[in-house]
PDB file of N, CA and C in Angstrom:
ATOM      1  N   MET A   1     142.150 112.061  67.004  1.00  0.00           N
ATOM      2  CA  MET A   1     142.128 112.230  65.785  1.00  0.00           C
ATOM      3  C   MET A   1     141.027 111.821  64.719  1.00  0.00           C
ATOM      4  N   LYS A   2     140.631 113.042  64.276  1.00  0.00           N
ATOM      5  CA  LYS A   2     139.189 112.879  63.210  1.00  0.00           C
ATOM      6  C   LYS A   2     139.861 112.288  62.167  1.00  0.00           C
ATOM      7  N   GLY A   3     138.635 111.365  61.406  1.00  0.00           N
ATOM      8  CA  GLY A   3     138.811 110.300  60.342  1.00  0.00           C
ATOM      9  C   GLY A   3     139.671 111.143  59.034  1.00  0.00           C
ATOM     10  N   ASP A   4     138.900 112.683  58.895  1.00  0.00           N
ATOM     11  CA  ASP A   4     139.454 113.330  57.537  1.00  0.00           C
ATOM     12  C   ASP A   4     140.503 114.209  58.013  1.00  0.00           C
ATOM     13  N   SER A   5     141.618 113.932  58.940  1.00  0.00           N
ATOM     14  CA  SER A   5     142.849 114.902  59.120  1.00  0.00           C
ATOM     15  C   SER A   5     143.964 114.126  58.700  1.00  0.00           C
ATOM     16  N   MET A   6     145.146 114.814  58.361  1.00  0.00           N
ATOM     17  CA  MET A   6     146.491 114.326  58.005  1.00  0.00           C
ATOM     18  C   MET A   6     147.245 114.223  59.178  1.00  0.00           C
ATOM     19  N   THR A   7     148.541 113.645  58.912  1.00  0.00           N
ATOM     20  CA  THR A   7     149.518 113.661  59.661  1.00  0.00           C
ATOM     21  C   THR A   7     150.323 115.009  59.479  1.00  0.00           C
ATOM     22  N   LEU A   8     151.098 115.199  60.467  1.00  0.00           N
ATOM     23  CA  LEU A   8     152.169 116.610  60.342  1.00  0.00           C
ATOM     24  C   LEU A   8     153.170 116.061  59.248  1.00  0.00           C
ATOM     25  N   ASN A   9     153.773 114.845  59.122  1.00  0.00           N
ATOM     26  CA  ASN A   9     154.406 114.416  58.098  1.00  0.00           C
ATOM     27  C   ASN A   9     153.775 114.504  56.281  1.00  0.00           C
ATOM     28  N   GLN A  10     152.567 114.527  56.541  1.00  0.00           N
ATOM     29  CA  GLN A  10     151.891 114.327  54.951  1.00  0.00           C
ATOM     30  C   GLN A  10     151.857 115.820  54.939  1.00  0.00           C
ATOM     31  N   LEU A  11     151.488 116.824  55.787  1.00  0.00           N
ATOM     32  CA  LEU A  11     151.452 118.010  55.266  1.00  0.00           C
ATOM     33  C   LEU A  11     152.812 118.799  54.929  1.00  0.00           C
ATOM     34  N   ILE A  12     153.636 118.351  55.721  1.00  0.00           N
ATOM     35  CA  ILE A  12     155.348 118.599  55.567  1.00  0.00           C
ATOM     36  C   ILE A  12     155.623 118.399  53.972  1.00  0.00           C
ATOM     37  N   VAL A  13     155.153 117.059  53.643  1.00  0.00           N
ATOM     38  CA  VAL A  13     155.669 116.843  52.325  1.00  0.00           C
ATOM     39  C   VAL A  13     154.830 117.517  51.246  1.00  0.00           C
ATOM     40  N   ARG A  14     153.425 117.582  51.519  1.00  0.00           N
ATOM     41  CA  ARG A  14     152.815 118.509  50.416  1.00  0.00           C
ATOM     42  C   ARG A  14     153.584 119.598  50.427  1.00  0.00           C
ATOM     43  N   ALA A  15     153.930 120.230  51.387  1.00  0.00           N
ATOM     44  CA  ALA A  15     154.630 121.770  51.398  1.00  0.00           C
ATOM     45  C   ALA A  15     155.878 121.503  50.676  1.00  0.00           C
ATOM     46  N   ALA A  16     156.717 120.370  50.933  1.00  0.00           N
ATOM     47  CA  ALA A  16     158.069 120.223  50.204  1.00  0.00           C
ATOM     48  C   ALA A  16     157.770 120.118  48.468  1.00  0.00           C
ATOM     49  N   VAL A  17     156.807 119.203  48.235  1.00  0.00           N
ATOM     50  CA  VAL A  17     156.785 119.381  46.840  1.00  0.00           C
ATOM     51  C   VAL A  17     156.526 120.696  46.123  1.00  0.00           C
ATOM     52  N   ALA A  18     155.997 121.792  46.697  1.00  0.00           N
ATOM     53  CA  ALA A  18     155.957 122.825  45.968  1.00  0.00           C
ATOM     54  C   ALA A  18     157.167 123.719  46.230  1.00  0.00           C
ATOM     55  N   TYR A  19     157.984 123.532  47.213  1.00  0.00           N
ATOM     56  CA  TYR A  19     159.352 124.037  47.719  1.00  0.00           C
ATOM     57  C   TYR A  19     160.389 123.597  46.577  1.00  0.00           C
ATOM     58  N   PRO A  20     161.577 124.720  46.244  1.00  0.00           N
ATOM     59  CA  PRO A  20     162.482 124.363  45.123  1.00  0.00           C
ATOM     60  C   PRO A  20     163.482 122.966  46.029  1.00  0.00           C
ATOM     61  N   GLU A  21     163.430 122.120  45.048  1.00  0.00           N
ATOM     62  CA  GLU A  21     164.055 120.863  45.202  1.00  0.00           C
ATOM     63  C   GLU A  21     163.867 120.296  46.429  1.00  0.00           C
ATOM     64  N   ALA A  22     162.508 120.541  47.267  1.00  0.00           N
ATOM     65  CA  ALA A  22     161.861 119.574  47.815  1.00  0.00           C
ATOM     66  C   ALA A  22     162.907 119.834  49.201  1.00  0.00           C
ATOM     67  N   ALA A  23     163.560 120.960  49.109  1.00  0.00           N
ATOM     68  CA  ALA A  23     164.274 121.225  50.545  1.00  0.00           C
ATOM     69  C   ALA A  23     163.913 121.322  51.847  1.00  0.00           C
ATOM     70  N   VAL A  24     162.383 121.517  52.057  1.00  0.00           N
ATOM     71  CA  VAL A  24     161.755 121.387  53.367  1.00  0.00           C
ATOM     72  C   VAL A  24     162.037 119.888  54.091  1.00  0.00           C
ATOM     73  N   LEU A  25     162.184 118.811  53.040  1.00  0.00           N
ATOM     74  CA  LEU A  25     162.451 117.548  53.628  1.00  0.00           C
ATOM     75  C   LEU A  25     163.803 117.342  54.314  1.00  0.00           C
ATOM     76  N   ASP A  26     164.728 118.136  53.927  1.00  0.00           N
ATOM     77  CA  ASP A  26     166.210 118.343  54.377  1.00  0.00           C
ATOM     78  C   ASP A  26     166.058 118.844  55.786  1.00  0.00           C
ATOM     79  N   CYS A  27     165.151 119.501  56.258  1.00  0.00           N
ATOM     80  CA  CYS A  27     165.011 120.334  57.202  1.00  0.00           C
ATOM     81  C   CYS A  27     163.988 119.145  58.230  1.00  0.00           C
ATOM     82  N   TRP A  28     163.489 118.252  57.845  1.00  0.00           N
ATOM     83  CA  TRP A  28     162.574 117.654  58.624  1.00  0.00           C
ATOM     84  C   TRP A  28     163.036 116.143  59.090  1.00  0.00           C
ATOM     85  N   ASP A  29     162.731 115.608  60.399  1.00  0.00           N
ATOM     86  CA  ASP A  29     162.821 114.433  60.326  1.00  0.00           C
ATOM     87  C   ASP A  29     161.675 113.482  60.724  1.00  0.00           C
ATOM     88  N   MET A  30     161.500 112.720  59.518  1.00  0.00           N
ATOM     89  CA  MET A  30     160.102 111.993  59.422  1.00  0.00           C
ATOM     90  C   MET A  30     159.820 111.198  60.565  1.00  0.00           C
ATOM     91  N   ALA A  31     160.729 110.614  61.111  1.00  0.00           N
ATOM     92  CA  ALA A  31     160.692 109.602  61.916  1.00  0.00           C
ATOM     93  C   ALA A  31     160.139 110.379  63.557  1.00  0.00           C
ATOM     94  N   ARG A  32     160.557 111.398  63.586  1.00  0.00           N
ATOM     95  CA  ARG A  32     160.022 112.111  64.843  1.00  0.00           C
ATOM     96  C   ARG A  32     159.271 113.200  64.929  1.00  0.00           C
ATOM     97  N   GLU A  33     159.092 113.466  63.593  1.00  0.00           N
ATOM     98  CA  GLU A  33     157.898 114.489  63.119  1.00  0.00           C
ATOM     99  C   GLU A  33     158.389 115.985  63.731  1.00  0.00           C
ATOM    100  N   ARG A  34     159.483 116.307  63.724  1.00  0.00           N
ATOM    101  CA  ARG A  34     159.803 117.538  64.008  1.00  0.00           C
ATOM    102  C   ARG A  34     160.967 118.152  62.991  1.00  0.00           C
ATOM    103  N   PRO A  35     161.700 119.336  63.121  1.00  0.00           N
ATOM    104  CA  PRO A  35     162.582 119.784  62.390  1.00  0.00           C
ATOM    105  C   PRO A  35     163.848 118.887  62.958  1.00  0.00           C
ATOM    106  N   SER A  36     164.641 118.804  61.666  1.00  0.00           N
ATOM    107  CA  SER A  36     166.017 117.671  61.688  1.00  0.00           C
ATOM    108  C   SER A  36     167.008 118.716  62.431  1.00  0.00           C
ATOM    109  N   LYS A  37     167.883 117.912  63.203  1.00  0.00           N
ATOM    110  CA  LYS A  37     168.959 118.832  63.703  1.00  0.00           C
ATOM    111  C   LYS A  37     170.244 119.045  62.774  1.00  0.00           C
ATOM    112  N   ARG A  38     169.927 118.425  61.537  1.00  0.00           N
ATOM    113  CA  ARG A  38     171.481 118.523  60.617  1.00  0.00           C
ATOM    114  C   ARG A  38     170.844 119.919  59.892  1.00  0.00           C
ATOM    115  N   ASP A  39     172.051 120.720  59.256  1.00  0.00           N
ATOM    116  CA  ASP A  39     172.027 121.863  59.055  1.00  0.00           C
ATOM    117  C   ASP A  39     172.158 121.905  57.305  1.00  0.00           C
ATOM    118  N   SER A  40     170.728 122.163  56.908  1.00  0.00           N
ATOM    119  CA  SER A  40     170.348 121.821  55.635  1.00  0.00           C
ATOM    120  C   SER A  40     170.898 123.158  54.820  1.00  0.00           C
ATOM    121  N   GLY A  41     171.243 124.139  55.535  1.00  0.00           N
ATOM    122  CA  GLY A  41     171.869 125.642  54.839  1.00  0.00           C
ATOM    123  C   GLY A  41     170.611 126.422  54.131  1.00  0.00           C
ATOM    124  N   ASP A  42     169.312 125.762  54.213  1.00  0.00           N
ATOM    125  CA  ASP A  42     168.386 126.432  53.559  1.00  0.00           C
ATOM    126  C   ASP A  42     167.622 126.852  54.977  1.00  0.00           C
ATOM    127  N   THR A  43     167.730 128.144  55.113  1.00  0.00           N
ATOM    128  CA  THR A  43     166.811 128.430  56.555  1.00  0.00           C
ATOM    129  C   THR A  43     165.528 128.763  56.284  1.00  0.00           C
ATOM    130  N   LEU A  44     165.113 129.177  55.195  1.00  0.00           N
ATOM    131  CA  LEU A  44     163.869 129.453  54.871  1.00  0.00           C
ATOM    132  C   LEU A  44     163.084 128.032  54.759  1.00  0.00           C
ATOM    133  N   ALA A  45     163.781 126.970  54.101  1.00  0.00           N
ATOM    134  CA  ALA A  45     162.852 125.879  54.258  1.00  0.00           C
ATOM    135  C   ALA A  45     162.479 125.338  55.758  1.00  0.00           C
ATOM    136  N   LEU A  46     163.856 125.619  56.343  1.00  0.00           N
ATOM    137  CA  LEU A  46     163.460 125.295  57.662  1.00  0.00           C
ATOM    138  C   LEU A  46     162.707 126.261  58.352  1.00  0.00           C
ATOM    139  N   PHE A  47     162.583 127.325  58.045  1.00  0.00           N
ATOM    140  CA  PHE A  47     161.196 128.080  58.909  1.00  0.00           C
ATOM    141  C   PHE A  47     159.952 127.229  58.248  1.00  0.00           C
ATOM    142  N   VAL A  48     159.809 127.307  57.204  1.00  0.00           N
ATOM    143  CA  VAL A  48     158.372 126.515  56.749  1.00  0.00           C
ATOM    144  C   VAL A  48     158.237 125.480  57.430  1.00  0.00           C
ATOM    145  N   ALA A  49     158.992 124.537  57.506  1.00  0.00           N
ATOM    146  CA  ALA A  49     158.848 123.268  58.439  1.00  0.00           C
ATOM    147  C   ALA A  49     158.679 123.668  59.774  1.00  0.00           C
ATOM    148  N   ARG A  50     159.397 124.493  60.298  1.00  0.00           N
ATOM    149  CA  ARG A  50     159.175 124.787  61.779  1.00  0.00           C
ATOM    150  C   ARG A  50     157.556 125.440  62.019  1.00  0.00           C
ATOM    151  N   GLU A  51     157.348 126.511  60.953  1.00  0.00           N
ATOM    152  CA  GLU A  51     156.058 127.001  61.279  1.00  0.00           C
ATOM    153  C   GLU A  51     154.994 126.023  60.868  1.00  0.00           C
ATOM    154  N   LEU A  52     154.939 125.277  59.863  1.00  0.00           N
ATOM    155  CA  LEU A  52     154.002 124.089  59.809  1.00  0.00           C
ATOM    156  C   LEU A  52     153.678 123.138  61.177  1.00  0.00           C
ATOM    157  N   LYS A  53     155.003 123.040  61.784  1.00  0.00           N
ATOM    158  CA  LYS A  53     154.894 122.434  62.999  1.00  0.00           C
ATOM    159  C   LYS A  53     154.148 122.897  64.303  1.00  0.00           C
ATOM    160  N   ASP A  54     154.504 124.192  64.263  1.00  0.00           N
ATOM    161  CA  ASP A  54     154.081 125.107  65.104  1.00  0.00           C
ATOM    162  C   ASP A  54     152.714 125.644  65.103  1.00  0.00           C
ATOM    163  N   THR A  55     151.971 125.187  63.920  1.00  0.00           N
ATOM    164  CA  THR A  55     150.549 125.707  63.707  1.00  0.00           C
ATOM    165  C   THR A  55     149.751 124.580  63.536  1.00  0.00           C
ATOM    166  N   PHE A  56     150.342 123.244  63.678  1.00  0.00           N
ATOM    167  CA  PHE A  56     149.672 121.982  63.097  1.00  0.00           C
ATOM    168  C   PHE A  56     148.784 121.771  64.411  1.00  0.00           C
ATOM    169  N   ASP A  57     147.642 121.161  64.106  1.00  0.00           N
ATOM    170  CA  ASP A  57     146.858 120.605  65.274  1.00  0.00           C
ATOM    171  C   ASP A  57     146.045 119.429  64.707  1.00  0.00           C
ATOM    172  N   PRO A  58     146.970 118.074  65.424  1.00  0.00           N
ATOM    173  CA  PRO A  58     146.537 116.980  64.602  1.00  0.00           C
ATOM    174  C   PRO A  58     145.001 116.476  65.180  1.00  0.00           C
ATOM    175  N   ASP A  59     144.436 117.129  66.118  1.00  0.00           N
ATOM    176  CA  ASP A  59     142.997 116.869  66.193  1.00  0.00           C
ATOM    177  C   ASP A  59     141.977 117.543  65.322  1.00  0.00           C
ATOM    178  N   ALA A  60     142.509 118.598  64.209  1.00  0.00           N
ATOM    179  CA  ALA A  60     141.642 119.206  63.339  1.00  0.00           C
ATOM    180  C   ALA A  60     141.228 118.408  62.279  1.00  0.00           C
ATOM    181  N   SER A  61     140.339 119.020  61.657  1.00  0.00           N
ATOM    182  CA  SER A  61     140.107 118.058  60.155  1.00  0.00           C
ATOM    183  C   SER A  61     140.917 118.604  59.193  1.00  0.00           C
ATOM    184  N   GLU A  62     141.158 117.854  58.237  1.00  0.00           N
ATOM    185  CA  GLU A  62     142.409 118.116  57.169  1.00  0.00           C
ATOM    186  C   GLU A  62     142.032 119.577  56.450  1.00  0.00           C
ATOM    187  N   ALA A  63     140.734 119.770  56.403  1.00  0.00           N
ATOM    188  CA  ALA A  63     140.325 121.211  55.722  1.00  0.00           C
ATOM    189  C   ALA A  63     140.979 122.145  56.686  1.00  0.00           C
ATOM    190  N   ILE A  64     140.911 122.418  58.010  1.00  0.00           N
ATOM    191  CA  ILE A  64     141.260 123.285  59.110  1.00  0.00           C
ATOM    192  C   ILE A  64     142.748 123.417  59.258  1.00  0.00           C
ATOM    193  N   GLN A  65     143.356 122.055  59.000  1.00  0.00           N
ATOM    194  CA  GLN A  65     144.789 121.896  58.865  1.00  0.00           C
ATOM    195  C   GLN A  65     145.399 122.572  57.847  1.00  0.00           C
ATOM    196  N   ILE A  66     144.736 122.248  56.537  1.00  0.00           N
ATOM    197  CA  ILE A  66     145.137 123.098  55.427  1.00  0.00           C
ATOM    198  C   ILE A  66     144.975 124.283  55.498  1.00  0.00           C
ATOM    199  N   ALA A  67     143.888 125.005  55.954  1.00  0.00           N
ATOM    200  CA  ALA A  67     143.715 126.237  56.033  1.00  0.00           C
ATOM    201  C   ALA A  67     144.633 127.012  57.021  1.00  0.00           C
ATOM    202  N   THR A  68     145.052 126.502  58.244  1.00  0.00           N
ATOM    203  CA  THR A  68     145.721 127.037  59.030  1.00  0.00           C
ATOM    204  C   THR A  68     147.283 126.892  58.615  1.00  0.00           C
ATOM    205  N   ALA A  69     147.614 126.039  57.831  1.00  0.00           N
ATOM    206  CA  ALA A  69     149.155 126.046  57.261  1.00  0.00           C
ATOM    207  C   ALA A  69     148.913 127.148  56.165  1.00  0.00           C
ATOM    208  N   VAL A  70     147.877 127.495  55.172  1.00  0.00           N
ATOM    209  CA  VAL A  70     147.880 128.375  54.510  1.00  0.00           C
ATOM    210  C   VAL A  70     148.145 129.668  54.854  1.00  0.00           C
ATOM    211  N   ARG A  71     147.306 130.095  55.910  1.00  0.00           N
ATOM    212  CA  ARG A  71     147.409 131.292  56.729  1.00  0.00           C
ATOM    213  C   ARG A  71     148.701 131.614  57.295  1.00  0.00           C
ATOM    214  N   ALA A  72     149.268 130.485  57.863  1.00  0.00           N
ATOM    215  CA  ALA A  72     150.777 130.683  58.280  1.00  0.00           C
ATOM    216  C   ALA A  72     151.636 131.186  57.185  1.00  0.00           C
ATOM    217  N   MET A  73     151.651 130.247  56.097  1.00  0.00           N
ATOM    218  CA  MET A  73     152.498 130.851  54.899  1.00  0.00           C
ATOM    219  C   MET A  73     152.036 132.053  54.351  1.00  0.00           C
ATOM    220  N   GLN A  74     151.024 132.315  54.242  1.00  0.00           N
ATOM    221  CA  GLN A  74     150.568 133.688  53.736  1.00  0.00           C
ATOM    222  C   GLN A  74     151.070 134.759  54.689  1.00  0.00           C
ATOM    223  N   ARG A  75     150.690 134.450  55.839  1.00  0.00           N
ATOM    224  CA  ARG A  75     151.370 135.711  56.900  1.00  0.00           C
ATOM    225  C   ARG A  75     152.800 135.877  56.542  1.00  0.00           C
ATOM    226  N   ALA A  76     153.716 134.726  56.563  1.00  0.00           N
ATOM    227  CA  ALA A  76     154.764 134.905  56.252  1.00  0.00           C
ATOM    228  C   ALA A  76     155.413 135.561  55.039  1.00  0.00           C
ATOM    229  N   ALA A  77     154.506 135.361  54.073  1.00  0.00           N
ATOM    230  CA  ALA A  77     154.993 136.000  52.937  1.00  0.00           C
ATOM    231  C   ALA A  77     154.721 137.222  52.907  1.00  0.00           C
ATOM    232  N   ASP A  78     153.638 137.521  53.265  1.00  0.00           N
ATOM    233  CA  ASP A  78     153.370 139.012  53.807  1.00  0.00           C
ATOM    234  C   ASP A  78     154.199 139.860  54.288  1.00  0.00           C
ATOM    235  N   GLU A  79     155.052 139.335  55.428  1.00  0.00           N
ATOM    236  CA  GLU A  79     155.997 139.886  56.028  1.00  0.00           C
ATOM    237  C   GLU A  79     157.380 140.095  55.461  1.00  0.00           C
ATOM    238  N   LEU A  80     157.653 138.777  54.244  1.00  0.00           N
ATOM    239  CA  LEU A  80     158.724 138.886  53.691  1.00  0.00           C
ATOM    240  C   LEU A  80     158.415 140.320  52.522  1.00  0.00           C
ATOM    241  N   GLN A  81     157.277 140.033  51.970  1.00  0.00           N
ATOM    242  CA  GLN A  81     156.883 141.373  50.975  1.00  0.00           C
ATOM    243  C   GLN A  81     157.167 142.617  51.776  1.00  0.00           C
ATOM    244  N   ALA A  82     156.814 142.755  52.803  1.00  0.00           N
ATOM    245  CA  ALA A  82     157.168 144.037  53.423  1.00  0.00           C
ATOM    246  C   ALA A  82     158.686 144.501  53.631  1.00  0.00           C
ATOM    247  N   VAL A  83     159.329 143.079  53.878  1.00  0.00           N
ATOM    248  CA  VAL A  83     160.586 143.925  53.973  1.00  0.00           C
ATOM    249  C   VAL A  83     161.339 143.814  52.863  1.00  0.00           C
ATOM    250  N   ALA A  84     160.932 143.265  51.726  1.00  0.00           N
ATOM    251  CA  ALA A  84     161.344 143.282  50.169  1.00  0.00           C
ATOM    252  C   ALA A  84     161.046 144.662  49.848  1.00  0.00           C
ATOM    253  N   HIS A  85     159.608 145.290  50.077  1.00  0.00           N
ATOM    254  CA  HIS A  85     159.373 146.704  49.794  1.00  0.00           C
ATOM    255  C   HIS A  85     159.908 147.418  50.445  1.00  0.00           C
ATOM    256  N   ALA A  86     160.457 147.574  51.874  1.00  0.00           N
ATOM    257  CA  ALA A  86     161.302 148.572  52.113  1.00  0.00           C
ATOM    258  C   ALA A  86     162.522 148.594  52.183  1.00  0.00           C
ATOM    259  N   LEU A  87     163.203 147.253  51.614  1.00  0.00           N
ATOM    260  CA  LEU A  87     164.684 147.354  51.096  1.00  0.00           C
ATOM    261  C   LEU A  87     164.573 148.066  49.664  1.00  0.00           C
ATOM    262  N   SER A  88     163.686 147.716  48.794  1.00  0.00           N
ATOM    263  CA  SER A  88     163.474 148.283  47.504  1.00  0.00           C
ATOM    264  C   SER A  88     163.373 149.828  47.702  1.00  0.00           C
ATOM    265  N   GLU A  89     162.523 150.462  48.588  1.00  0.00           N
ATOM    266  CA  GLU A  89     162.172 151.896  48.555  1.00  0.00           C
ATOM    267  C   GLU A  89     163.722 152.582  49.025  1.00  0.00           C
ATOM    268  N   LEU A  90     164.455 151.742  49.904  1.00  0.00           N
ATOM    269  CA  LEU A  90     165.628 152.297  50.533  1.00  0.00           C
ATOM    270  C   LEU A  90     166.733 152.343  49.116  1.00  0.00           C
ATOM    271  N   ALA A  91     166.661 151.268  48.249  1.00  0.00           N
ATOM    272  CA  ALA A  91     167.547 151.305  47.051  1.00  0.00           C
ATOM    273  C   ALA A  91     167.312 152.251  46.275  1.00  0.00           C
ATOM    274  N   VAL A  92     165.793 152.605  46.070  1.00  0.00           N
ATOM    275  CA  VAL A  92     165.335 153.863  45.149  1.00  0.00           C
ATOM    276  C   VAL A  92     165.945 154.972  45.532  1.00  0.00           C
ATOM    277  N   ARG A  93     165.987 155.584  46.978  1.00  0.00           N
ATOM    278  CA  ARG A  93     166.286 156.529  47.704  1.00  0.00           C
ATOM    279  C   ARG A  93     167.665 156.648  47.344  1.00  0.00           C
ATOM    280  N   ARG A  94     168.333 155.851  47.695  1.00  0.00           N
ATOM    281  CA  ARG A  94     169.741 155.866  47.664  1.00  0.00           C
ATOM    282  C   ARG A  94     170.249 156.091  46.114  1.00  0.00           C
ATOM    283  N   ALA A  95     169.921 155.709  45.273  1.00  0.00           N
ATOM    284  CA  ALA A  95     170.041 155.526  43.756  1.00  0.00           C
ATOM    285  C   ALA A  95     169.834 157.175  43.178  1.00  0.00           C
ATOM    286  N   ALA A  96     168.900 158.047  43.913  1.00  0.00           N
ATOM    287  CA  ALA A  96     168.366 159.051  43.593  1.00  0.00           C
ATOM    288  C   ALA A  96     169.280 160.236  43.926  1.00  0.00           C
TER     289      ALA A  96
END
């Protein structure tokens, strides 16, 4: 591991700080550095935890780790935005 890298737990905590009620931590097993087996009920928080785990490279520098996490979250946000847009268009067509 490079000297300027972070652990997966550190990245998860940083994401959790930004997430409502830090719910990402409810979906994360800090001891095992993997998603928790308990059901927190917040599937989006679970998705964030899983996506960060799946894209995390412990041998990458901190800058690369963060950039990779940003890309993963941005890609997910773009996909969610596309779904929201499609549903919004459907609602407008149904209302007309």
